[in-house]
Amino acid sequence: QRYRPAADSAPPEDIQISPLDGYDAFLEAKQGRLQPGSLQVH
């Protein structure tokens, strides 16, 4: 639902992921791959 409007409208240079949003992606990616203690440190 969100993909086509987003892909058709904003110019490429407008798309940016903030470090805080990126950190959420990192934590999601590392779930199950890092120990719980290491995830808590992050």
Full PDB file with SEQRES, HELIX, SHEET, SSBOND, CRYST1, ORIGX, SCALE, CONECT and MASTER records, all heavy atoms in Angstrom:
SEQRES   1 A   42  GLN ARG TYR ARG PRO ALA ALA ASP SER ALA PRO PRO GLU          
SEQRES   2 A   42  ASP ILE GLN ILE SER PRO LEU ASP GLY TYR ASP ALA PHE          
SEQRES   3 A   42  LEU GLU ALA LYS GLN GLY ARG LEU GLN PRO GLY SER LEU          
SEQRES   4 A   42  GLN VAL HIS                                                  
HELIX    1 AA1 TYR A    3  ASP A    8  1                                   6    
HELIX    2 AA2 PRO A   12  ASP A   14  5                                   3    
HELIX    3 AA3 PRO A   19  LYS A   30  1                                  12    
HELIX    4 AA4 PRO A   36  VAL A   41  1                                   6    
CRYST1    1.000    1.000    1.000  90.00  90.00  90.00 P 1           1          
ORIGX1      1.000000  0.000000  0.000000        0.00000                         
ORIGX2      0.000000  1.000000  0.000000        0.00000                         
ORIGX3      0.000000  0.000000  1.000000        0.00000                         
SCALE1      1.000000  0.000000  0.000000        0.00000                         
SCALE2      0.000000  1.000000  0.000000        0.00000                         
SCALE3      0.000000  0.000000  1.000000        0.00000                         
ATOM      1  N   GLN A   1       0.817  -1.214   0.000  1.00  0.00           N  
ATOM      2  CA  GLN A   1       0.000   0.000   0.000  1.00  0.00           C  
ATOM      3  C   GLN A   1       0.847   1.259   0.000  1.00  0.00           C  
ATOM      4  O   GLN A   1       0.516   2.254  -0.633  1.00  0.00           O  
ATOM      5  CB  GLN A   1      -0.926  -0.001   1.224  1.00  0.00           C  
ATOM      6  CG  GLN A   1      -2.057  -1.019   1.140  1.00  0.00           C  
ATOM      7  CD  GLN A   1      -2.789  -1.167   2.457  1.00  0.00           C  
ATOM      8  OE1 GLN A   1      -2.510  -0.447   3.420  1.00  0.00           O  
ATOM      9  NE2 GLN A   1      -3.727  -2.110   2.509  1.00  0.00           N  
ATOM     10  N   ARG A   2       1.967   1.228   0.717  1.00  0.00           N  
ATOM     11  CA  ARG A   2       2.803   2.422   0.849  1.00  0.00           C  
ATOM     12  C   ARG A   2       3.890   2.518  -0.219  1.00  0.00           C  
ATOM     13  O   ARG A   2       4.408   3.592  -0.482  1.00  0.00           O  
ATOM     14  CB  ARG A   2       3.466   2.444   2.236  1.00  0.00           C  
ATOM     15  CG  ARG A   2       2.480   2.544   3.382  1.00  0.00           C  
ATOM     16  CD  ARG A   2       3.191   2.881   4.662  1.00  0.00           C  
ATOM     17  NE  ARG A   2       2.256   2.979   5.779  1.00  0.00           N  
ATOM     18  CZ  ARG A   2       2.541   3.616   6.906  1.00  0.00           C  
ATOM     19  NH1 ARG A   2       3.720   4.205   7.053  1.00  0.00           N  
ATOM     20  NH2 ARG A   2       1.670   3.668   7.875  1.00  0.00           N  
ATOM     21  N   TYR A   3       4.230   1.393  -0.799  1.00  0.00           N  
ATOM     22  CA  TYR A   3       5.390   1.361  -1.696  1.00  0.00           C  
ATOM     23  C   TYR A   3       5.202   2.184  -2.967  1.00  0.00           C  
ATOM     24  O   TYR A   3       6.006   3.037  -3.283  1.00  0.00           O  
ATOM     25  CB  TYR A   3       5.714  -0.088  -2.070  1.00  0.00           C  
ATOM     26  CG  TYR A   3       6.625  -0.208  -3.274  1.00  0.00           C  
ATOM     27  CD1 TYR A   3       7.956   0.204  -3.213  1.00  0.00           C  
ATOM     28  CD2 TYR A   3       6.148  -0.717  -4.488  1.00  0.00           C  
ATOM     29  CE1 TYR A   3       8.792   0.099  -4.308  1.00  0.00           C  
ATOM     30  CE2 TYR A   3       6.978  -0.831  -5.583  1.00  0.00           C  
ATOM     31  CZ  TYR A   3       8.288  -0.418  -5.488  1.00  0.00           C  
ATOM     32  OH  TYR A   3       9.104  -0.515  -6.580  1.00  0.00           O  
ATOM     33  N   ARG A   4       4.128   1.963  -3.684  1.00  0.00           N  
ATOM     34  CA  ARG A   4       4.000   2.614  -4.980  1.00  0.00           C  
ATOM     35  C   ARG A   4       3.943   4.131  -4.877  1.00  0.00           C  
ATOM     36  O   ARG A   4       4.673   4.819  -5.577  1.00  0.00           O  
ATOM     37  CB  ARG A   4       2.778   2.058  -5.729  1.00  0.00           C  
ATOM     38  CG  ARG A   4       2.564   2.646  -7.114  1.00  0.00           C  
ATOM     39  CD  ARG A   4       3.849   2.662  -7.955  1.00  0.00           C  
ATOM     40  NE  ARG A   4       4.445   1.358  -8.122  1.00  0.00           N  
ATOM     41  CZ  ARG A   4       5.667   1.163  -8.598  1.00  0.00           C  
ATOM     42  NH1 ARG A   4       6.435   2.188  -8.915  1.00  0.00           N  
ATOM     43  NH2 ARG A   4       6.136  -0.057  -8.721  1.00  0.00           N  
ATOM     44  N   PRO A   5       3.107   4.684  -3.977  1.00  0.00           N  
ATOM     45  CA  PRO A   5       3.109   6.150  -3.861  1.00  0.00           C  
ATOM     46  C   PRO A   5       4.479   6.700  -3.485  1.00  0.00           C  
ATOM     47  O   PRO A   5       4.922   7.717  -4.008  1.00  0.00           O  
ATOM     48  CB  PRO A   5       2.087   6.409  -2.760  1.00  0.00           C  
ATOM     49  CG  PRO A   5       1.190   5.217  -2.807  1.00  0.00           C  
ATOM     50  CD  PRO A   5       2.078   4.074  -3.154  1.00  0.00           C  
ATOM     51  N   ALA A   6       5.167   6.015  -2.576  1.00  0.00           N  
ATOM     52  CA  ALA A   6       6.482   6.490  -2.144  1.00  0.00           C  
ATOM     53  C   ALA A   6       7.491   6.402  -3.283  1.00  0.00           C  
ATOM     54  O   ALA A   6       8.310   7.294  -3.482  1.00  0.00           O  
ATOM     55  CB  ALA A   6       6.969   5.669  -0.952  1.00  0.00           C  
ATOM     56  N   ALA A   7       7.440   5.328  -4.052  1.00  0.00           N  
ATOM     57  CA  ALA A   7       8.402   5.136  -5.139  1.00  0.00           C  
ATOM     58  C   ALA A   7       8.148   6.099  -6.285  1.00  0.00           C  
ATOM     59  O   ALA A   7       9.060   6.474  -7.011  1.00  0.00           O  
ATOM     60  CB  ALA A   7       8.321   3.700  -5.646  1.00  0.00           C  
ATOM     61  N   ASP A   8       6.887   6.519  -6.463  1.00  0.00           N  
ATOM     62  CA  ASP A   8       6.542   7.386  -7.588  1.00  0.00           C  
ATOM     63  C   ASP A   8       6.759   8.868  -7.310  1.00  0.00           C  
ATOM     64  O   ASP A   8       6.902   9.662  -8.227  1.00  0.00           O  
ATOM     65  CB  ASP A   8       5.061   7.188  -7.959  1.00  0.00           C  
ATOM     66  CG  ASP A   8       4.867   5.893  -8.725  1.00  0.00           C  
ATOM     67  OD1 ASP A   8       5.877   5.358  -9.202  1.00  0.00           O  
ATOM     68  OD2 ASP A   8       3.723   5.426  -8.813  1.00  0.00           O  
ATOM     69  N   SER A   9       6.760   9.255  -6.025  1.00  0.00           N  
ATOM     70  CA  SER A   9       6.724  10.685  -5.716  1.00  0.00           C  
ATOM     71  C   SER A   9       8.086  11.291  -5.386  1.00  0.00           C  
ATOM     72  O   SER A   9       8.685  11.974  -6.204  1.00  0.00           O  
ATOM     73  CB  SER A   9       5.745  10.944  -4.567  1.00  0.00           C  
ATOM     74  OG  SER A   9       6.124  10.193  -3.424  1.00  0.00           O  
ATOM     75  N   ALA A  10       8.585  11.029  -4.184  1.00  0.00           N  
ATOM     76  CA  ALA A  10       9.765  11.746  -3.701  1.00  0.00           C  
ATOM     77  C   ALA A  10      10.988  11.486  -4.567  1.00  0.00           C  
ATOM     78  O   ALA A  10      11.218  10.367  -5.017  1.00  0.00           O  
ATOM     79  CB  ALA A  10      10.074  11.310  -2.273  1.00  0.00           C  
ATOM     80  N   PRO A  11      11.800  12.500  -4.822  1.00  0.00           N  
ATOM     81  CA  PRO A  11      13.050  12.304  -5.559  1.00  0.00           C  
ATOM     82  C   PRO A  11      14.036  11.498  -4.719  1.00  0.00           C  
ATOM     83  O   PRO A  11      13.947  11.494  -3.497  1.00  0.00           O  
ATOM     84  CB  PRO A  11      13.555  13.740  -5.779  1.00  0.00           C  
ATOM     85  CG  PRO A  11      12.923  14.526  -4.689  1.00  0.00           C  
ATOM     86  CD  PRO A  11      11.591  13.908  -4.446  1.00  0.00           C  
ATOM     87  N   PRO A  12      14.970  10.797  -5.342  1.00  0.00           N  
ATOM     88  CA  PRO A  12      15.889   9.919  -4.617  1.00  0.00           C  
ATOM     89  C   PRO A  12      16.607  10.602  -3.466  1.00  0.00           C  
ATOM     90  O   PRO A  12      16.783  10.017  -2.419  1.00  0.00           O  
ATOM     91  CB  PRO A  12      16.870   9.477  -5.709  1.00  0.00           C  
ATOM     92  CG  PRO A  12      16.085   9.558  -6.971  1.00  0.00           C  
ATOM     93  CD  PRO A  12      15.163  10.727  -6.801  1.00  0.00           C  
ATOM     94  N   GLU A  13      17.031  11.855  -3.639  1.00  0.00           N  
ATOM     95  CA  GLU A  13      17.827  12.486  -2.597  1.00  0.00           C  
ATOM     96  C   GLU A  13      17.025  12.801  -1.348  1.00  0.00           C  
ATOM     97  O   GLU A  13      17.570  13.126  -0.305  1.00  0.00           O  
ATOM     98  CB  GLU A  13      18.483  13.778  -3.119  1.00  0.00           C  
ATOM     99  CG  GLU A  13      17.506  14.810  -3.666  1.00  0.00           C  
ATOM    100  CD  GLU A  13      17.252  14.613  -5.150  1.00  0.00           C  
ATOM    101  OE1 GLU A  13      17.520  13.513  -5.666  1.00  0.00           O  
ATOM    102  OE2 GLU A  13      16.782  15.572  -5.774  1.00  0.00           O  
ATOM    103  N   ASP A  14      15.684  12.723  -1.410  1.00  0.00           N  
ATOM    104  CA  ASP A  14      14.857  13.023  -0.254  1.00  0.00           C  
ATOM    105  C   ASP A  14      14.747  11.855   0.713  1.00  0.00           C  
ATOM    106  O   ASP A  14      14.288  12.013   1.825  1.00  0.00           O  
ATOM    107  CB  ASP A  14      13.436  13.432  -0.683  1.00  0.00           C  
ATOM    108  CG  ASP A  14      13.406  14.839  -1.260  1.00  0.00           C  
ATOM    109  OD1 ASP A  14      14.408  15.558  -1.112  1.00  0.00           O  
ATOM    110  OD2 ASP A  14      12.391  15.188  -1.852  1.00  0.00           O  
ATOM    111  N   ILE A  15      15.092  10.660   0.273  1.00  0.00           N  
ATOM    112  CA  ILE A  15      14.911   9.482   1.105  1.00  0.00           C  
ATOM    113  C   ILE A  15      16.128   9.312   2.025  1.00  0.00           C  
ATOM    114  O   ILE A  15      17.233   9.116   1.569  1.00  0.00           O  
ATOM    115  CB  ILE A  15      14.683   8.219   0.260  1.00  0.00           C  
ATOM    116  CG1 ILE A  15      14.362   7.036   1.150  1.00  0.00           C  
ATOM    117  CG2 ILE A  15      15.832   7.905  -0.647  1.00  0.00           C  
ATOM    118  CD1 ILE A  15      13.005   7.101   1.754  1.00  0.00           C  
ATOM    119  N   GLN A  16      15.907   9.470   3.316  1.00  0.00           N  
ATOM    120  CA  GLN A  16      16.986   9.351   4.283  1.00  0.00           C  
ATOM    121  C   GLN A  16      16.492   8.605   5.503  1.00  0.00           C  
ATOM    122  O   GLN A  16      15.362   8.804   5.952  1.00  0.00           O  
ATOM    123  CB  GLN A  16      17.507  10.725   4.703  1.00  0.00           C  
ATOM    124  CG  GLN A  16      18.234  11.470   3.598  1.00  0.00           C  
ATOM    125  CD  GLN A  16      18.786  12.788   4.089  1.00  0.00           C  
ATOM    126  OE1 GLN A  16      18.492  13.227   5.197  1.00  0.00           O  
ATOM    127  NE2 GLN A  16      19.591  13.425   3.265  1.00  0.00           N  
ATOM    128  N   ILE A  17      17.323   7.734   6.037  1.00  0.00           N  
ATOM    129  CA  ILE A  17      17.013   7.015   7.264  1.00  0.00           C  
ATOM    130  C   ILE A  17      17.862   7.629   8.374  1.00  0.00           C  
ATOM    131  O   ILE A  17      19.072   7.756   8.239  1.00  0.00           O  
ATOM    132  CB  ILE A  17      17.318   5.511   7.118  1.00  0.00           C  
ATOM    133  CG1 ILE A  17      16.392   4.902   6.062  1.00  0.00           C  
ATOM    134  CG2 ILE A  17      17.153   4.789   8.437  1.00  0.00           C  
ATOM    135  CD1 ILE A  17      16.656   3.439   5.796  1.00  0.00           C  
ATOM    136  N   SER A  18      17.223   8.022   9.454  1.00  0.00           N  
ATOM    137  CA  SER A  18      17.968   8.636  10.552  1.00  0.00           C  
ATOM    138  C   SER A  18      18.737   7.554  11.307  1.00  0.00           C  
ATOM    139  O   SER A  18      18.342   6.382  11.304  1.00  0.00           O  
ATOM    140  CB  SER A  18      17.019   9.345  11.510  1.00  0.00           C  
ATOM    141  OG  SER A  18      16.324   8.407  12.307  1.00  0.00           O  
ATOM    142  N   PRO A  19      19.832   7.920  11.972  1.00  0.00           N  
ATOM    143  CA  PRO A  19      20.594   6.946  12.752  1.00  0.00           C  
ATOM    144  C   PRO A  19      19.750   6.246  13.819  1.00  0.00           C  
ATOM    145  O   PRO A  19      19.963   5.073  14.100  1.00  0.00           O  
ATOM    146  CB  PRO A  19      21.704   7.792  13.378  1.00  0.00           C  
ATOM    147  CG  PRO A  19      21.917   8.893  12.389  1.00  0.00           C  
ATOM    148  CD  PRO A  19      20.540   9.220  11.886  1.00  0.00           C  
ATOM    149  N   LEU A  20      18.786   6.969  14.415  1.00  0.00           N  
ATOM    150  CA  LEU A  20      17.951   6.346  15.437  1.00  0.00           C  
ATOM    151  C   LEU A  20      17.007   5.307  14.815  1.00  0.00           C  
ATOM    152  O   LEU A  20      16.808   4.226  15.370  1.00  0.00           O  
ATOM    153  CB  LEU A  20      17.158   7.408  16.197  1.00  0.00           C  
ATOM    154  CG  LEU A  20      18.004   8.333  17.086  1.00  0.00           C  
ATOM    155  CD1 LEU A  20      17.146   9.420  17.705  1.00  0.00           C  
ATOM    156  CD2 LEU A  20      18.704   7.534  18.179  1.00  0.00           C  
ATOM    157  N   ASP A  21      16.418   5.637  13.648  1.00  0.00           N  
ATOM    158  CA  ASP A  21      15.592   4.656  12.945  1.00  0.00           C  
ATOM    159  C   ASP A  21      16.442   3.478  12.479  1.00  0.00           C  
ATOM    160  O   ASP A  21      16.033   2.319  12.541  1.00  0.00           O  
ATOM    161  CB  ASP A  21      14.900   5.297  11.733  1.00  0.00           C  
ATOM    162  CG  ASP A  21      13.717   6.161  12.137  1.00  0.00           C  
ATOM    163  OD1 ASP A  21      13.241   6.003  13.276  1.00  0.00           O  
ATOM    164  OD2 ASP A  21      13.288   6.993  11.329  1.00  0.00           O  
ATOM    165  N   GLY A  22      17.640   3.801  12.006  1.00  0.00           N  
ATOM    166  CA  GLY A  22      18.551   2.748  11.563  1.00  0.00           C  
ATOM    167  C   GLY A  22      18.940   1.821  12.703  1.00  0.00           C  
ATOM    168  O   GLY A  22      19.119   0.613  12.505  1.00  0.00           O  
ATOM    169  N   TYR A  23      19.055   2.388  13.921  1.00  0.00           N  
ATOM    170  CA  TYR A  23      19.397   1.566  15.083  1.00  0.00           C  
ATOM    171  C   TYR A  23      18.278   0.557  15.367  1.00  0.00           C  
ATOM    172  O   TYR A  23      18.531  -0.580  15.769  1.00  0.00           O  
ATOM    173  CB  TYR A  23      19.642   2.436  16.319  1.00  0.00           C  
ATOM    174  CG  TYR A  23      20.853   2.013  17.127  1.00  0.00           C  
ATOM    175  CD1 TYR A  23      21.726   2.943  17.658  1.00  0.00           C  
ATOM    176  CD2 TYR A  23      21.121   0.666  17.358  1.00  0.00           C  
ATOM    177  CE1 TYR A  23      22.843   2.557  18.382  1.00  0.00           C  
ATOM    178  CE2 TYR A  23      22.233   0.272  18.084  1.00  0.00           C  
ATOM    179  CZ  TYR A  23      23.086   1.222  18.597  1.00  0.00           C  
ATOM    180  OH  TYR A  23      24.189   0.817  19.313  1.00  0.00           O  
ATOM    181  N   ASP A  24      17.028   0.973  15.137  1.00  0.00           N  
ATOM    182  CA  ASP A  24      15.913   0.036  15.289  1.00  0.00           C  
ATOM    183  C   ASP A  24      16.061  -1.133  14.316  1.00  0.00           C  
ATOM    184  O   ASP A  24      15.822  -2.290  14.666  1.00  0.00           O  
ATOM    185  CB  ASP A  24      14.578   0.745  15.036  1.00  0.00           C  
ATOM    186  CG  ASP A  24      14.195   1.690  16.162  1.00  0.00           C  
ATOM    187  OD1 ASP A  24      14.646   1.454  17.301  1.00  0.00           O  
ATOM    188  OD2 ASP A  24      13.472   2.661  15.904  1.00  0.00           O  
ATOM    189  N   ALA A  25      16.448  -0.813  13.083  1.00  0.00           N  
ATOM    190  CA  ALA A  25      16.645  -1.861  12.076  1.00  0.00           C  
ATOM    191  C   ALA A  25      17.786  -2.784  12.495  1.00  0.00           C  
ATOM    192  O   ALA A  25      17.725  -4.004  12.300  1.00  0.00           O  
ATOM    193  CB  ALA A  25      16.927  -1.240  10.719  1.00  0.00           C  
ATOM    194  N   PHE A  26      18.836  -2.206  13.047  1.00  0.00           N  
ATOM    195  CA  PHE A  26      19.984  -3.000  13.524  1.00  0.00           C  
ATOM    196  C   PHE A  26      19.537  -3.980  14.614  1.00  0.00           C  
ATOM    197  O   PHE A  26      19.870  -5.168  14.575  1.00  0.00           O  
ATOM    198  CB  PHE A  26      21.061  -2.066  14.075  1.00  0.00           C  
ATOM    199  CG  PHE A  26      22.195  -2.773  14.765  1.00  0.00           C  
ATOM    200  CD1 PHE A  26      23.273  -3.258  14.043  1.00  0.00           C  
ATOM    201  CD2 PHE A  26      22.184  -2.956  16.145  1.00  0.00           C  
ATOM    202  CE1 PHE A  26      24.321  -3.917  14.675  1.00  0.00           C  
ATOM    203  CE2 PHE A  26      23.219  -3.614  16.789  1.00  0.00           C  
ATOM    204  CZ  PHE A  26      24.288  -4.090  16.050  1.00  0.00           C  
ATOM    205  N   LEU A  27      18.772  -3.479  15.586  1.00  0.00           N  
ATOM    206  CA  LEU A  27      18.318  -4.327  16.680  1.00  0.00           C  
ATOM    207  C   LEU A  27      17.413  -5.448  16.174  1.00  0.00           C  
ATOM    208  O   LEU A  27      17.473  -6.584  16.656  1.00  0.00           O  
ATOM    209  CB  LEU A  27      17.586  -3.485  17.726  1.00  0.00           C  
ATOM    210  CG  LEU A  27      18.472  -2.514  18.519  1.00  0.00           C  
ATOM    211  CD1 LEU A  27      17.625  -1.546  19.327  1.00  0.00           C  
ATOM    212  CD2 LEU A  27      19.419  -3.282  19.433  1.00  0.00           C  
ATOM    213  N   GLU A  28      16.595  -5.117  15.185  1.00  0.00           N  
ATOM    214  CA  GLU A  28      15.740  -6.141  14.585  1.00  0.00           C  
ATOM    215  C   GLU A  28      16.585  -7.191  13.860  1.00  0.00           C  
ATOM    216  O   GLU A  28      16.340  -8.393  13.967  1.00  0.00           O  
ATOM    217  CB  GLU A  28      14.771  -5.490  13.583  1.00  0.00           C  
ATOM    218  CG  GLU A  28      13.619  -4.738  14.216  1.00  0.00           C  
ATOM    219  CD  GLU A  28      12.580  -5.670  14.820  1.00  0.00           C  
ATOM    220  OE1 GLU A  28      12.410  -6.790  14.311  1.00  0.00           O  
ATOM    221  OE2 GLU A  28      11.948  -5.284  15.809  1.00  0.00           O  
ATOM    222  N   ALA A  29      17.579  -6.717  13.136  1.00  0.00           N  
ATOM    223  CA  ALA A  29      18.426  -7.627  12.360  1.00  0.00           C  
ATOM    224  C   ALA A  29      19.243  -8.553  13.257  1.00  0.00           C  
ATOM    225  O   ALA A  29      19.528  -9.699  12.896  1.00  0.00           O  
ATOM    226  CB  ALA A  29      19.344  -6.833  11.445  1.00  0.00           C  
ATOM    227  N   LYS A  30      19.633  -8.057  14.414  1.00  0.00           N  
ATOM    228  CA  LYS A  30      20.509  -8.825  15.300  1.00  0.00           C  
ATOM    229  C   LYS A  30      19.740  -9.674  16.306  1.00  0.00           C  
ATOM    230  O   LYS A  30      20.351 -10.405  17.084  1.00  0.00           O  
ATOM    231  CB  LYS A  30      21.458  -7.880  16.046  1.00  0.00           C  
ATOM    232  CG  LYS A  30      22.420  -7.124  15.144  1.00  0.00           C  
ATOM    233  CD  LYS A  30      23.307  -8.073  14.352  1.00  0.00           C  
ATOM    234  CE  LYS A  30      24.289  -7.329  13.466  1.00  0.00           C  
ATOM    235  NZ  LYS A  30      25.154  -8.249  12.702  1.00  0.00           N  
ATOM    236  N   GLN A  31      18.407  -9.553  16.325  1.00  0.00           N  
ATOM    237  CA  GLN A  31      17.609 -10.359  17.234  1.00  0.00           C  
ATOM    238  C   GLN A  31      17.839 -11.844  16.930  1.00  0.00           C  
ATOM    239  O   GLN A  31      17.673 -12.298  15.797  1.00  0.00           O  
ATOM    240  CB  GLN A  31      16.125 -10.031  17.055  1.00  0.00           C  
ATOM    241  CG  GLN A  31      15.230 -10.543  18.171  1.00  0.00           C  
ATOM    242  CD  GLN A  31      15.380  -9.757  19.453  1.00  0.00           C  
ATOM    243  OE1 GLN A  31      15.584  -8.556  19.418  1.00  0.00           O  
ATOM    244  NE2 GLN A  31      15.289 -10.431  20.575  1.00  0.00           N  
ATOM    245  N   GLY A  32      18.238 -12.587  17.945  1.00  0.00           N  
ATOM    246  CA  GLY A  32      18.506 -14.006  17.738  1.00  0.00           C  
ATOM    247  C   GLY A  32      19.919 -14.293  17.286  1.00  0.00           C  
ATOM    248  O   GLY A  32      20.347 -15.450  17.281  1.00  0.00           O  
ATOM    249  N   ARG A  33      20.659 -13.234  16.920  1.00  0.00           N  
ATOM    250  CA  ARG A  33      22.048 -13.429  16.480  1.00  0.00           C  
ATOM    251  C   ARG A  33      23.035 -12.923  17.527  1.00  0.00           C  
ATOM    252  O   ARG A  33      24.180 -13.359  17.567  1.00  0.00           O  
ATOM    253  CB  ARG A  33      22.280 -12.716  15.149  1.00  0.00           C  
ATOM    254  CG  ARG A  33      21.397 -13.262  14.030  1.00  0.00           C  
ATOM    255  CD  ARG A  33      21.566 -12.485  12.748  1.00  0.00           C  
ATOM    256  NE  ARG A  33      22.912 -12.590  12.217  1.00  0.00           N  
ATOM    257  CZ  ARG A  33      23.342 -11.936  11.141  1.00  0.00           C  
ATOM    258  NH1 ARG A  33      22.507 -11.137  10.492  1.00  0.00           N  
ATOM    259  NH2 ARG A  33      24.568 -12.091  10.710  1.00  0.00           N  
ATOM    260  N   LEU A  34      22.593 -11.978  18.352  1.00  0.00           N  
ATOM    261  CA  LEU A  34      23.402 -11.500  19.468  1.00  0.00           C  
ATOM    262  C   LEU A  34      22.796 -12.010  20.764  1.00  0.00           C  
ATOM    263  O   LEU A  34      21.589 -12.228  20.861  1.00  0.00           O  
ATOM    264  CB  LEU A  34      23.443  -9.971  19.497  1.00  0.00           C  
ATOM    265  CG  LEU A  34      24.219  -9.258  18.386  1.00  0.00           C  
ATOM    266  CD1 LEU A  34      24.139  -7.744  18.581  1.00  0.00           C  
ATOM    267  CD2 LEU A  34      25.679  -9.699  18.355  1.00  0.00           C  
ATOM    268  N   GLN A  35      23.632 -12.168  21.776  1.00  0.00           N  
ATOM    269  CA  GLN A  35      23.142 -12.568  23.091  1.00  0.00           C  
ATOM    270  C   GLN A  35      22.281 -11.455  23.691  1.00  0.00           C  
ATOM    271  O   GLN A  35      22.488 -10.273  23.400  1.00  0.00           O  
ATOM    272  CB  GLN A  35      24.320 -12.866  24.013  1.00  0.00           C  
ATOM    273  CG  GLN A  35      25.123 -14.097  23.623  1.00  0.00           C  
ATOM    274  CD  GLN A  35      24.269 -15.353  23.643  1.00  0.00           C  
ATOM    275  OE1 GLN A  35      23.627 -15.663  24.644  1.00  0.00           O  
ATOM    276  NE2 GLN A  35      24.250 -16.076  22.532  1.00  0.00           N  
ATOM    277  N   PRO A  36      21.309 -11.816  24.541  1.00  0.00           N  
ATOM    278  CA  PRO A  36      20.443 -10.801  25.150  1.00  0.00           C  
ATOM    279  C   PRO A  36      21.221  -9.680  25.816  1.00  0.00           C  
ATOM    280  O   PRO A  36      20.841  -8.505  25.736  1.00  0.00           O  
ATOM    281  CB  PRO A  36      19.633 -11.614  26.170  1.00  0.00           C  
ATOM    282  CG  PRO A  36      19.571 -12.981  25.580  1.00  0.00           C  
ATOM    283  CD  PRO A  36      20.904 -13.177  24.911  1.00  0.00           C  
ATOM    284  N   GLY A  37      22.334 -10.027  26.471  1.00  0.00           N  
ATOM    285  CA  GLY A  37      23.141  -9.004  27.128  1.00  0.00           C  
ATOM    286  C   GLY A  37      23.728  -8.013  26.135  1.00  0.00           C  
ATOM    287  O   GLY A  37      23.760  -6.810  26.389  1.00  0.00           O  
ATOM    288  N   SER A  38      24.189  -8.518  24.993  1.00  0.00           N  
ATOM    289  CA  SER A  38      24.758  -7.643  23.964  1.00  0.00           C  
ATOM    290  C   SER A  38      23.688  -6.750  23.346  1.00  0.00           C  
ATOM    291  O   SER A  38      23.935  -5.578  23.060  1.00  0.00           O  
ATOM    292  CB  SER A  38      25.430  -8.488  22.865  1.00  0.00           C  
ATOM    293  OG  SER A  38      26.497  -9.241  23.397  1.00  0.00           O  
ATOM    294  N   LEU A  39      22.494  -7.315  23.142  1.00  0.00           N  
ATOM    295  CA  LEU A  39      21.385  -6.503  22.618  1.00  0.00           C  
ATOM    296  C   LEU A  39      21.039  -5.387  23.591  1.00  0.00           C  
ATOM    297  O   LEU A  39      20.757  -4.256  23.183  1.00  0.00           O  
ATOM    298  CB  LEU A  39      20.159  -7.378  22.369  1.00  0.00           C  
ATOM    299  CG  LEU A  39      20.204  -8.291  21.139  1.00  0.00           C  
ATOM    300  CD1 LEU A  39      19.018  -9.234  21.140  1.00  0.00           C  
ATOM    301  CD2 LEU A  39      20.233  -7.465  19.852  1.00  0.00           C  
ATOM    302  N   GLN A  40      21.077  -5.695  24.894  1.00  0.00           N  
ATOM    303  CA  GLN A  40      20.765  -4.676  25.895  1.00  0.00           C  
ATOM    304  C   GLN A  40      21.808  -3.573  25.887  1.00  0.00           C  
ATOM    305  O   GLN A  40      21.486  -2.396  26.076  1.00  0.00           O  
ATOM    306  CB  GLN A  40      20.668  -5.308  27.285  1.00  0.00           C  
ATOM    307  CG  GLN A  40      20.214  -4.346  28.373  1.00  0.00           C  
ATOM    308  CD  GLN A  40      18.900  -3.654  28.045  1.00  0.00           C  
ATOM    309  OE1 GLN A  40      17.926  -4.304  27.645  1.00  0.00           O  
ATOM    310  NE2 GLN A  40      18.859  -2.340  28.194  1.00  0.00           N  
ATOM    311  N   VAL A  41      23.065  -3.925  25.667  1.00  0.00           N  
ATOM    312  CA  VAL A  41      24.132  -2.915  25.575  1.00  0.00           C  
ATOM    313  C   VAL A  41      23.834  -1.955  24.426  1.00  0.00           C  
ATOM    314  O   VAL A  41      24.008  -0.738  24.540  1.00  0.00           O  
ATOM    315  CB  VAL A  41      25.503  -3.596  25.379  1.00  0.00           C  
ATOM    316  CG1 VAL A  41      26.569  -2.569  24.995  1.00  0.00           C  
ATOM    317  CG2 VAL A  41      25.915  -4.323  26.653  1.00  0.00           C  
ATOM    318  N   HIS A  42      23.365  -2.498  23.291  1.00  0.00           N  
ATOM    319  CA  HIS A  42      23.031  -1.653  22.140  1.00  0.00           C  
ATOM    320  C   HIS A  42      21.791  -0.801  22.421  1.00  0.00           C  
ATOM    321  O   HIS A  42      21.719   0.362  21.997  1.00  0.00           O  
ATOM    322  CB  HIS A  42      22.817  -2.510  20.894  1.00  0.00           C  
ATOM    323  CG  HIS A  42      24.091  -2.861  20.193  1.00  0.00           C  
ATOM    324  ND1 HIS A  42      24.803  -1.942  19.449  1.00  0.00           N  
ATOM    325  CD2 HIS A  42      24.796  -4.014  20.147  1.00  0.00           C  
ATOM    326  CE1 HIS A  42      25.883  -2.514  18.952  1.00  0.00           C  
ATOM    327  NE2 HIS A  42      25.905  -3.777  19.369  1.00  0.00           N  
TER     328      HIS A  42                                                      
MASTER        0    0    0    4    0    0    0    6  327    1    0    4          
END                                                                             
